[in-house]
Protein backbone atom coordinates (compact mmCIF):
# COMPACT_ATOMS: atom_id res chain seq x y z
CA MET A 1 -67.44 -89.36 -152.28
CA GLU A 2 -67.53 -88.78 -155.88
CA VAL A 3 -67.41 -85.11 -157.11
CA GLU A 4 -69.79 -84.33 -159.99
CA ALA A 5 -68.21 -83.29 -163.19
CA ALA A 6 -70.42 -79.97 -163.44
CA THR A 7 -68.97 -79.13 -160.16
CA LEU A 8 -65.39 -79.37 -161.37
CA ILE A 9 -66.23 -77.56 -164.78
CA GLY A 10 -68.05 -74.99 -162.84
CA ASP A 11 -64.95 -74.31 -160.56
CA GLY A 12 -62.54 -74.39 -163.33
CA LEU A 13 -64.42 -71.81 -165.15
CA LYS A 14 -64.65 -69.44 -162.20
CA TYR A 15 -61.01 -69.53 -161.78
CA ALA A 16 -60.52 -69.00 -165.58
CA GLY A 17 -62.85 -66.05 -165.38
CA ALA A 18 -61.04 -64.62 -162.29
CA GLY A 19 -57.64 -64.95 -164.22
CA LEU A 20 -58.98 -63.24 -167.12
CA ALA A 21 -60.47 -60.49 -164.95
CA CYS A 22 -56.96 -59.94 -163.53
CA THR A 23 -55.53 -58.90 -167.11
CA GLY A 24 -56.88 -55.57 -166.29
CA MET A 25 -54.22 -55.18 -163.72
CA GLY A 26 -51.73 -55.52 -166.42
CA GLY A 27 -53.68 -52.94 -168.41
CA ALA A 28 -53.35 -50.51 -165.44
CA ALA A 29 -49.87 -50.96 -165.42
CA VAL A 30 -49.46 -50.25 -169.15
CA GLY A 31 -51.52 -47.17 -168.57
CA VAL A 32 -49.26 -45.74 -165.82
CA GLY A 33 -46.49 -46.29 -167.93
CA HIS A 34 -48.08 -44.62 -170.80
CA VAL A 35 -49.29 -41.53 -168.70
CA VAL A 36 -45.57 -40.98 -166.94
CA GLY A 37 -43.82 -41.65 -170.33
CA ASN A 38 -45.86 -38.98 -172.13
CA TYR A 39 -45.28 -36.53 -169.15
CA LEU A 40 -41.59 -36.98 -169.29
CA SER A 41 -41.61 -36.65 -173.08
CA GLY A 42 -43.42 -33.40 -172.67
CA ALA A 43 -41.20 -32.19 -169.62
CA LEU A 44 -38.10 -32.73 -171.74
CA ARG A 45 -39.41 -30.66 -174.51
CA ASN A 46 -40.83 -27.89 -172.59
CA PRO A 47 -39.06 -27.88 -168.92
CA SER A 48 -40.84 -24.73 -167.97
CA ALA A 49 -44.38 -26.02 -168.34
CA ALA A 50 -43.49 -29.44 -166.62
CA ALA A 51 -44.40 -28.02 -163.05
CA GLY A 52 -47.85 -27.06 -164.24
CA GLN A 53 -48.63 -30.75 -165.61
CA THR A 54 -47.28 -32.50 -162.70
CA ALA A 55 -50.76 -32.53 -160.90
CA THR A 56 -52.40 -33.87 -164.03
CA MET A 57 -49.81 -36.77 -164.24
CA PHE A 58 -50.64 -37.81 -160.98
CA ILE A 59 -54.56 -37.53 -161.70
CA GLY A 60 -53.92 -39.89 -164.79
CA ILE A 61 -51.93 -42.36 -162.50
CA ALA A 62 -54.88 -42.40 -159.99
CA PHE A 63 -57.36 -43.19 -162.54
CA SER A 64 -55.37 -45.90 -164.08
CA GLU A 65 -54.58 -47.69 -160.78
CA ALA A 66 -58.22 -47.20 -159.90
CA LEU A 67 -59.11 -49.28 -162.91
CA GLY A 68 -56.43 -51.87 -161.77
CA ILE A 69 -57.90 -52.03 -158.34
CA PHE A 70 -61.41 -52.45 -159.88
CA SER A 71 -60.44 -55.36 -162.06
CA PHE A 72 -58.94 -57.05 -158.97
CA LEU A 73 -62.15 -56.68 -156.90
CA VAL A 74 -64.02 -58.08 -160.00
CA ALA A 75 -61.54 -61.08 -159.87
CA LEU A 76 -62.19 -61.42 -156.25
CA LEU A 77 -65.82 -61.31 -156.38
CA LEU A 78 -65.82 -64.13 -159.25
CA MET A 79 -63.49 -66.22 -157.03
CA PHE A 80 -65.49 -66.01 -153.78
CA ALA A 81 -68.94 -64.56 -154.32
CA VAL A 82 -69.98 -66.72 -157.19
């Protein structure tokens, strides 16, 4: 049985789109590094205020990771739902 060229192209584009959507996970990793790096920079400059900013750091990490998980979800939707 011969597979149509349009089906092969459509499948290839689906996987390419899923791969591009996964780049958001790399952006989330960069975001976490940026948040933690800025926290450490501020904590080393003013150690007495570091304890008050720990919760803010964890909120920033959580938001960044949530965007990474969202991009992973979009990639899965592109691969299996379309």
